[in-house]
Amino acid sequence: MVCVELSKISKSFDNKLVLDRVSLKIEDGEYFCLIGPSGAGKTTTLKILAGLYKPDKGKVLFDGYDVTSLEPWERGAVMMFQNPTLFSNMTVIENIMFPLKEQNVPTGKALETARALLKKIHLEERANSYPHELSGGMQQRVALARALAAKAKLLLLDEPLGALDARLRLELREELRKFAKENKLTVVHVTQDQDEAMAIGDRIALMRNGRILQVDEPSELYLNPRSPFVMNFIEGTNFLEGYVEDKSDTFVDLVIENIYHHIRARGNFEVGERVLVSVRPSAIRIFKKRGGQLFARINKIVNMGSYCVIEAILFGSEKPVTVELSAREAKKYRVNEIISLYLDIEEIKVFRYPLLGFAREVEVMA
């Protein structure tokens, strides 16, 4: 295991700033996930950790030692990509033995170690198979075993499950985490799949435009996002514009979208201040009659299998609000039906209105 630290890392390509003073500390044995939209700087961060790129500014520390100038093979880090880079002309066991031979380990000892690793990944019967004879999941497991054979302290994964089908991804992501914990590896895992990161990460860093917006445990990132962008990127949400009408203690009374809609929320804002209100589709309840704070008309109902997404248009505006209901519950409602929406005060997040505007705040590409 190794404790990894990035200190004020900046990196540019062709005069375009890709990483902007990134600082990050990953603890010994931690399974750490990096998420964010395309172009956020996730893979560049990973390659700087691996030594494949050198930063323009800043330092890379492993267990407190400066490794910024060290070559990849001097760091004890192994990087795995979406498509495992196995040697096509070598069998499974030869692929695993390769780093051992590079370390001048005697053939008998290398074979013994490789067989033990094959047992660990449950592929003993495929020892003499070639990579093209294996499934994508099997190839990833062989690549993991080879990383262990190379005595990796740090495992760097660049969307390792991206090329696999949905069911296999679910199975293998659990295997990855279990494998890392059993073998006491520090892991940095880049993915664009938020569900994947939430399921396996001890902590998650959300990146955007070369900067880290928030680092937290999965539940904290979901429940307490620090900005509208974070709120929207993690699972998606509804946004409503409004202003503070009144305040008392830790509560504010808000006018939403227009004078017809009023809600109460937690927050510390000034009367008259413009705000952005967010609530997730799964946290909104629907009533056929009175019971909610907002009144709306159902515009469409989309069946997603086990659940349905209802889009409703607020009275007095063209603002759509999406609600998620179980498929059974959604059967009670029809398009054009008038409903009321209840927003639980504990589920409402209120943000100061972004200085650069709502669209600029939540867009994934800037």
Protein backbone atom coordinates (compact mmCIF):
# COMPACT_ATOMS: atom_id res chain seq x y z
CA MET A 1 0.00 0.00 0.00
CA VAL A 2 1.03 3.59 -0.50
CA CYS A 3 -0.24 7.03 0.50
CA VAL A 4 -0.43 9.26 -2.57
CA GLU A 5 -0.44 13.05 -2.66
CA LEU A 6 -0.74 15.56 -5.47
CA SER A 7 0.37 19.06 -4.47
CA LYS A 8 -0.73 22.02 -6.63
CA ILE A 9 -0.40 20.09 -9.90
CA SER A 10 -0.82 22.05 -13.14
CA LYS A 11 -0.52 20.68 -16.67
CA SER A 12 -1.07 22.22 -20.12
CA PHE A 13 -1.09 20.80 -23.62
CA ASP A 14 -0.69 23.15 -26.61
CA ASN A 15 -1.20 26.15 -24.31
CA LYS A 16 -4.50 24.74 -23.04
CA LEU A 17 -4.68 24.34 -19.26
CA VAL A 18 -5.83 20.79 -18.50
CA LEU A 19 -5.08 20.63 -14.76
CA ASP A 20 -5.25 23.76 -12.63
CA ARG A 21 -3.45 23.56 -9.26
CA VAL A 22 -4.90 20.17 -8.34
CA SER A 23 -4.20 19.07 -4.76
CA LEU A 24 -5.36 15.69 -3.51
CA LYS A 25 -4.41 13.16 -0.83
CA ILE A 26 -5.29 9.47 -1.18
CA GLU A 27 -4.82 7.38 1.92
CA ASP A 28 -2.98 4.08 2.32
CA GLY A 29 -5.19 1.22 1.05
CA GLU A 30 -7.99 3.55 -0.08
CA TYR A 31 -10.18 2.76 -3.07
CA PHE A 32 -10.47 6.24 -4.55
CA CYS A 33 -12.62 7.19 -7.54
CA LEU A 34 -12.23 10.14 -9.91
CA ILE A 35 -15.39 11.18 -11.77
CA GLY A 36 -16.39 14.08 -13.98
CA PRO A 37 -17.41 14.92 -17.53
CA SER A 38 -15.19 14.26 -20.55
CA GLY A 39 -12.27 16.66 -20.61
CA ALA A 40 -12.32 17.26 -16.86
CA GLY A 41 -8.70 16.10 -16.44
CA LYS A 42 -9.28 12.67 -14.89
CA THR A 43 -7.04 10.61 -17.19
CA THR A 44 -4.33 13.29 -17.18
CA THR A 45 -4.33 13.12 -13.37
CA LEU A 46 -3.97 9.34 -13.56
CA LYS A 47 -1.10 9.53 -16.05
CA ILE A 48 0.75 12.05 -13.87
CA LEU A 49 0.43 9.62 -10.95
CA ALA A 50 1.77 6.85 -13.18
CA GLY A 51 4.69 8.97 -14.38
CA LEU A 52 3.54 8.88 -18.02
CA TYR A 53 3.18 12.68 -17.93
CA LYS A 54 5.30 15.12 -15.97
CA PRO A 55 3.47 18.09 -14.42
CA ASP A 56 4.39 21.64 -15.45
CA LYS A 57 4.08 22.69 -11.81
CA GLY A 58 3.58 20.92 -8.50
CA LYS A 59 4.73 17.71 -6.87
CA VAL A 60 3.72 14.03 -6.71
CA LEU A 61 4.42 12.35 -3.37
CA PHE A 62 4.32 8.63 -2.52
CA ASP A 63 4.49 8.03 1.24
CA GLY A 64 5.86 11.54 1.62
CA TYR A 65 8.69 11.06 -0.90
CA ASP A 66 8.86 13.26 -3.98
CA VAL A 67 8.52 10.98 -7.03
CA THR A 68 7.70 13.73 -9.56
CA SER A 69 10.85 13.13 -11.61
CA LEU A 70 10.83 9.32 -11.37
CA GLU A 71 10.07 7.18 -14.43
CA PRO A 72 6.95 4.95 -14.43
CA TRP A 73 8.87 1.74 -13.69
CA GLU A 74 10.52 3.34 -10.66
CA ARG A 75 7.23 4.18 -8.89
CA GLY A 76 5.66 0.81 -8.09
CA ALA A 77 2.47 1.91 -9.84
CA VAL A 78 0.61 -0.06 -12.51
CA MET A 79 -1.90 1.53 -14.89
CA MET A 80 -4.73 -0.43 -16.49
CA PHE A 81 -6.87 0.85 -19.34
CA GLN A 82 -10.35 0.03 -20.61
CA ASN A 83 -8.91 -2.65 -22.90
CA PRO A 84 -6.33 -4.75 -21.04
CA THR A 85 -2.90 -4.62 -22.69
CA LEU A 86 -2.05 -8.31 -22.51
CA PHE A 87 0.61 -9.79 -24.79
CA SER A 88 -1.37 -11.53 -27.53
CA ASN A 89 1.44 -14.00 -28.32
CA MET A 90 1.69 -15.17 -24.70
CA THR A 91 -0.57 -17.50 -22.74
CA VAL A 92 -2.32 -16.36 -19.59
CA ILE A 93 0.33 -17.77 -17.30
CA GLU A 94 3.13 -16.35 -19.46
CA ASN A 95 1.52 -12.90 -19.25
CA ILE A 96 1.47 -13.11 -15.45
CA MET A 97 5.06 -14.39 -15.34
CA PHE A 98 6.37 -11.59 -17.56
CA PRO A 99 7.01 -8.94 -14.85
CA LEU A 100 8.57 -11.63 -12.63
CA LYS A 101 11.06 -12.53 -15.37
CA GLU A 102 11.82 -8.83 -15.80
CA GLN A 103 12.71 -8.84 -12.09
CA ASN A 104 15.05 -11.82 -12.73
CA VAL A 105 12.97 -14.14 -10.56
CA PRO A 106 14.01 -17.78 -11.24
CA THR A 107 11.63 -19.59 -13.61
CA GLY A 108 10.48 -22.13 -11.01
CA LYS A 109 9.64 -19.44 -8.47
CA ALA A 110 7.97 -17.27 -11.14
CA LEU A 111 5.79 -20.19 -12.22
CA GLU A 112 4.81 -20.94 -8.64
CA THR A 113 3.86 -17.29 -8.02
CA ALA A 114 1.91 -17.08 -11.29
CA ARG A 115 -0.08 -20.21 -10.46
CA ALA A 116 -0.93 -18.82 -7.01
CA LEU A 117 -2.15 -15.61 -8.63
CA LEU A 118 -4.20 -17.57 -11.17
CA LYS A 119 -5.90 -19.32 -8.29
CA LYS A 120 -6.59 -15.96 -6.66
CA ILE A 121 -8.44 -14.76 -9.79
CA HIS A 122 -10.19 -18.14 -10.29
CA LEU A 123 -8.72 -18.81 -13.73
CA GLU A 124 -6.50 -21.83 -13.04
CA GLU A 125 -8.12 -23.79 -15.87
CA ARG A 126 -7.26 -21.04 -18.40
CA ALA A 127 -3.51 -21.00 -17.69
CA ASN A 128 -2.62 -22.03 -21.25
CA SER A 129 -5.26 -19.95 -23.02
CA TYR A 130 -4.37 -16.92 -25.14
CA PRO A 131 -5.93 -13.49 -24.51
CA HIS A 132 -8.21 -13.69 -27.57
CA GLU A 133 -9.75 -16.86 -26.11
CA LEU A 134 -10.87 -15.02 -22.95
CA SER A 135 -13.89 -12.83 -22.25
CA GLY A 136 -13.36 -9.14 -21.47
CA GLY A 137 -13.87 -9.80 -17.77
CA MET A 138 -11.32 -12.61 -17.77
CA GLN A 139 -8.77 -10.42 -19.52
CA GLN A 140 -9.20 -7.76 -16.85
CA ARG A 141 -8.61 -10.33 -14.14
CA VAL A 142 -5.41 -11.50 -15.82
CA ALA A 143 -4.24 -7.89 -16.04
CA LEU A 144 -4.91 -7.50 -12.30
CA ALA A 145 -2.92 -10.65 -11.52
CA ARG A 146 -0.03 -9.35 -13.64
CA ALA A 147 -0.16 -6.07 -11.68
CA LEU A 148 0.22 -8.04 -8.45
CA ALA A 149 3.10 -10.01 -9.95
CA ALA A 150 4.79 -6.69 -10.69
CA LYS A 151 4.51 -5.91 -6.96
CA ALA A 152 2.36 -2.87 -7.60
CA LYS A 153 1.71 -0.67 -4.56
CA LEU A 154 -0.60 1.61 -6.49
CA LEU A 155 -3.20 0.46 -9.01
CA LEU A 156 -4.38 3.09 -11.50
CA LEU A 157 -7.54 2.16 -13.40
CA ASP A 158 -8.71 4.19 -16.41
CA GLU A 159 -12.34 3.20 -17.02
CA PRO A 160 -11.45 -0.50 -16.64
CA LEU A 161 -15.07 -1.66 -17.03
CA GLY A 162 -16.12 0.66 -19.85
CA ALA A 163 -15.90 -1.97 -22.61
CA LEU A 164 -17.96 -4.61 -20.76
CA ASP A 165 -21.69 -5.26 -20.95
CA ALA A 166 -23.90 -3.93 -18.13
CA ARG A 167 -24.30 -7.21 -16.22
CA LEU A 168 -20.60 -8.05 -16.33
CA ARG A 169 -19.73 -4.53 -15.19
CA LEU A 170 -21.86 -5.00 -12.06
CA GLU A 171 -20.16 -8.30 -11.26
CA LEU A 172 -16.61 -7.17 -11.96
CA ARG A 173 -16.80 -3.89 -10.06
CA GLU A 174 -17.44 -5.83 -6.85
CA GLU A 175 -14.55 -8.16 -7.72
CA LEU A 176 -12.25 -5.18 -8.29
CA ARG A 177 -12.95 -3.71 -4.87
CA LYS A 178 -12.65 -7.08 -3.13
CA PHE A 179 -9.41 -7.83 -4.99
CA ALA A 180 -7.89 -4.47 -3.99
CA LYS A 181 -8.85 -4.79 -0.33
CA GLU A 182 -7.66 -8.41 -0.02
CA ASN A 183 -4.31 -7.51 -1.59
CA LYS A 184 -3.92 -4.25 0.33
CA LEU A 185 -3.63 -2.06 -2.75
CA THR A 186 -4.17 1.67 -2.99
CA VAL A 187 -6.43 2.23 -6.00
CA VAL A 188 -7.30 5.28 -8.09
CA HIS A 189 -10.21 4.41 -10.38
CA VAL A 190 -11.35 6.79 -13.15
CA THR A 191 -14.91 6.36 -14.40
CA GLN A 192 -17.71 8.35 -16.01
CA ASP A 193 -20.26 6.04 -14.37
CA GLN A 194 -21.43 7.73 -11.16
CA ASP A 195 -23.22 4.57 -9.99
CA GLU A 196 -19.99 2.62 -10.34
CA ALA A 197 -18.06 5.18 -8.28
CA MET A 198 -20.77 5.37 -5.60
CA ALA A 199 -20.81 1.56 -5.28
CA ILE A 200 -17.09 0.90 -4.90
CA GLY A 201 -15.31 4.10 -3.85
CA ASP A 202 -14.25 4.79 -0.28
CA ARG A 203 -14.14 8.42 -1.38
CA ILE A 204 -14.87 10.20 -4.65
CA ALA A 205 -13.42 13.34 -6.24
CA LEU A 206 -15.58 15.17 -8.77
CA MET A 207 -13.53 17.07 -11.36
CA ARG A 208 -14.53 19.77 -13.84
CA ASN A 209 -12.35 21.88 -16.16
CA GLY A 210 -9.12 20.70 -14.56
CA ARG A 211 -10.17 21.40 -10.99
CA ILE A 212 -11.52 19.31 -8.14
CA LEU A 213 -14.93 20.58 -7.03
CA GLN A 214 -15.57 18.24 -4.11
CA VAL A 215 -13.97 15.24 -2.41
CA ASP A 216 -16.15 13.18 -0.10
CA GLU A 217 -17.49 9.80 0.84
CA PRO A 218 -20.23 8.67 -1.59
CA SER A 219 -23.14 9.33 0.77
CA GLU A 220 -21.85 12.81 1.66
CA LEU A 221 -21.34 13.71 -1.99
CA TYR A 222 -24.95 12.71 -2.70
CA LEU A 223 -26.58 14.26 0.37
CA ASN A 224 -24.52 17.43 0.72
CA PRO A 225 -23.32 18.67 -2.67
CA ARG A 226 -21.45 21.97 -2.46
CA SER A 227 -22.67 23.42 -5.75
CA PRO A 228 -25.48 23.11 -8.28
CA PHE A 229 -23.07 21.40 -10.69
CA VAL A 230 -22.21 18.69 -8.15
CA MET A 231 -25.90 18.22 -7.31
CA ASN A 232 -26.80 17.82 -10.96
CA PHE A 233 -23.87 15.60 -11.92
CA ILE A 234 -24.57 13.12 -9.13
CA GLU A 235 -27.76 11.43 -10.37
CA GLY A 236 -29.49 14.51 -11.83
CA THR A 237 -31.98 16.85 -10.23
CA ASN A 238 -34.67 19.51 -10.72
CA PHE A 239 -33.73 23.18 -10.52
CA LEU A 240 -36.20 25.96 -9.77
CA GLU A 241 -35.38 29.67 -9.67
CA GLY A 242 -36.73 31.88 -6.91
CA TYR A 243 -36.02 34.47 -4.27
CA VAL A 244 -36.17 34.74 -0.48
CA GLU A 245 -39.44 36.27 0.73
CA ASP A 246 -38.83 35.90 4.47
CA LYS A 247 -36.41 34.30 6.93
CA SER A 248 -36.51 33.00 10.51
CA ASP A 249 -33.80 31.14 12.45
CA THR A 250 -32.42 28.50 10.05
CA PHE A 251 -35.38 28.58 7.64
CA VAL A 252 -36.22 30.69 4.61
CA ASP A 253 -39.56 31.18 2.88
CA LEU A 254 -39.12 31.15 -0.88
CA VAL A 255 -41.16 32.29 -3.85
CA ILE A 256 -40.56 29.80 -6.66
CA GLU A 257 -40.73 30.66 -10.38
CA ASN A 258 -43.63 33.08 -9.85
CA ILE A 259 -46.02 34.35 -7.18
CA TYR A 260 -48.16 31.19 -7.25
CA HIS A 261 -45.58 28.88 -5.67
CA HIS A 262 -44.22 29.17 -2.12
CA ILE A 263 -42.03 26.71 -0.20
CA ARG A 264 -40.05 26.66 3.03
CA ALA A 265 -36.48 25.37 3.11
CA ARG A 266 -33.42 25.29 5.34
CA GLY A 267 -30.77 27.88 4.63
CA ASN A 268 -29.08 31.12 5.60
CA PHE A 269 -29.96 33.71 2.98
CA GLU A 270 -31.04 37.34 2.99
CA VAL A 271 -34.56 38.56 2.19
CA GLY A 272 -34.77 39.42 -1.49
CA GLU A 273 -31.75 37.27 -2.39
CA ARG A 274 -32.02 35.33 -5.64
CA VAL A 275 -31.60 31.56 -5.19
CA LEU A 276 -31.54 28.26 -7.05
CA VAL A 277 -33.67 25.52 -5.46
CA SER A 278 -32.94 21.86 -6.18
CA VAL A 279 -34.78 18.65 -5.36
CA ARG A 280 -34.18 15.22 -6.85
CA PRO A 281 -36.93 13.51 -8.91
CA SER A 282 -37.04 10.58 -6.47
CA ALA A 283 -37.69 12.92 -3.51
CA ILE A 284 -40.89 14.54 -4.84
CA ARG A 285 -44.32 13.19 -3.91
CA ILE A 286 -47.42 13.57 -6.08
CA PHE A 287 -50.98 14.23 -4.89
CA LYS A 288 -54.10 14.13 -7.06
CA LYS A 289 -55.58 17.00 -5.08
CA ARG A 290 -54.18 19.43 -2.54
CA GLY A 291 -51.29 18.26 -0.41
CA GLY A 292 -48.23 19.71 -2.10
CA GLN A 293 -46.75 23.20 -2.34
CA LEU A 294 -46.56 23.33 -6.15
CA PHE A 295 -49.38 22.85 -8.65
CA ALA A 296 -48.73 21.42 -12.09
CA ARG A 297 -50.11 19.62 -15.12
CA ILE A 298 -48.71 16.25 -16.25
CA ASN A 299 -47.04 16.74 -19.64
CA LYS A 300 -45.75 13.22 -20.26
CA ILE A 301 -45.14 9.86 -18.60
CA VAL A 302 -42.11 7.81 -19.63
CA ASN A 303 -41.97 4.12 -18.69
CA MET A 304 -38.46 3.06 -17.62
CA GLY A 305 -39.37 -0.50 -16.66
CA SER A 306 -39.34 -0.78 -12.87
CA TYR A 307 -40.16 2.92 -12.52
CA CYS A 308 -41.68 5.80 -14.50
CA VAL A 309 -40.58 9.38 -15.03
CA ILE A 310 -43.38 11.94 -14.95
CA GLU A 311 -42.77 15.38 -16.41
CA ALA A 312 -45.09 18.04 -15.01
CA ILE A 313 -45.35 21.72 -16.02
CA LEU A 314 -45.76 24.21 -13.14
CA PHE A 315 -48.79 26.49 -13.20
CA GLY A 316 -48.01 30.01 -14.33
CA SER A 317 -44.74 29.03 -16.03
CA GLU A 318 -43.31 26.70 -18.63
CA LYS A 319 -40.92 25.15 -16.09
CA PRO A 320 -40.87 21.31 -16.26
CA VAL A 321 -40.38 19.28 -13.08
CA THR A 322 -39.54 15.57 -13.27
CA VAL A 323 -40.74 13.04 -10.70
CA GLU A 324 -39.82 9.38 -10.36
CA LEU A 325 -42.52 6.91 -9.26
CA SER A 326 -42.74 3.14 -9.17
CA ALA A 327 -44.37 1.68 -12.28
CA ARG A 328 -47.33 0.58 -10.16
CA GLU A 329 -47.85 4.02 -8.60
CA ALA A 330 -47.51 5.78 -11.95
CA LYS A 331 -50.50 3.86 -13.34
CA LYS A 332 -52.76 6.11 -11.25
CA TYR A 333 -51.91 9.17 -13.35
CA ARG A 334 -52.68 10.38 -16.87
CA VAL A 335 -51.25 12.99 -19.23
CA ASN A 336 -52.88 16.45 -18.77
CA GLU A 337 -54.04 15.57 -15.25
CA ILE A 338 -53.77 18.38 -12.67
CA ILE A 339 -51.64 17.43 -9.66
CA SER A 340 -49.84 18.98 -6.68
CA LEU A 341 -46.19 18.30 -5.85
CA TYR A 342 -44.87 17.94 -2.31
CA LEU A 343 -41.23 18.83 -1.65
CA ASP A 344 -39.92 17.47 1.66
CA ILE A 345 -38.05 20.22 3.49
CA GLU A 346 -35.21 17.79 4.30
CA GLU A 347 -34.72 16.99 0.61
CA ILE A 348 -34.60 20.58 -0.66
CA LYS A 349 -31.18 22.11 -1.38
CA VAL A 350 -30.91 25.87 -1.81
CA PHE A 351 -27.93 27.54 -3.50
CA ARG A 352 -27.11 31.17 -4.13
CA TYR A 353 -27.91 31.98 -7.73
CA PRO A 354 -24.73 31.46 -9.81
CA LEU A 355 -22.92 34.67 -10.79
CA LEU A 356 -22.41 33.43 -14.35
CA GLY A 357 -25.99 32.23 -14.69
CA PHE A 358 -27.74 28.88 -14.36
CA ALA A 359 -26.85 27.43 -17.79
CA ARG A 360 -23.12 28.13 -17.38
CA GLU A 361 -23.13 26.67 -13.86
CA VAL A 362 -24.54 23.24 -14.75
CA GLU A 363 -23.14 22.67 -18.25
CA VAL A 364 -20.68 19.78 -18.41
CA MET A 365 -18.50 21.38 -21.07
CA ALA A 366 -17.18 24.90 -20.59
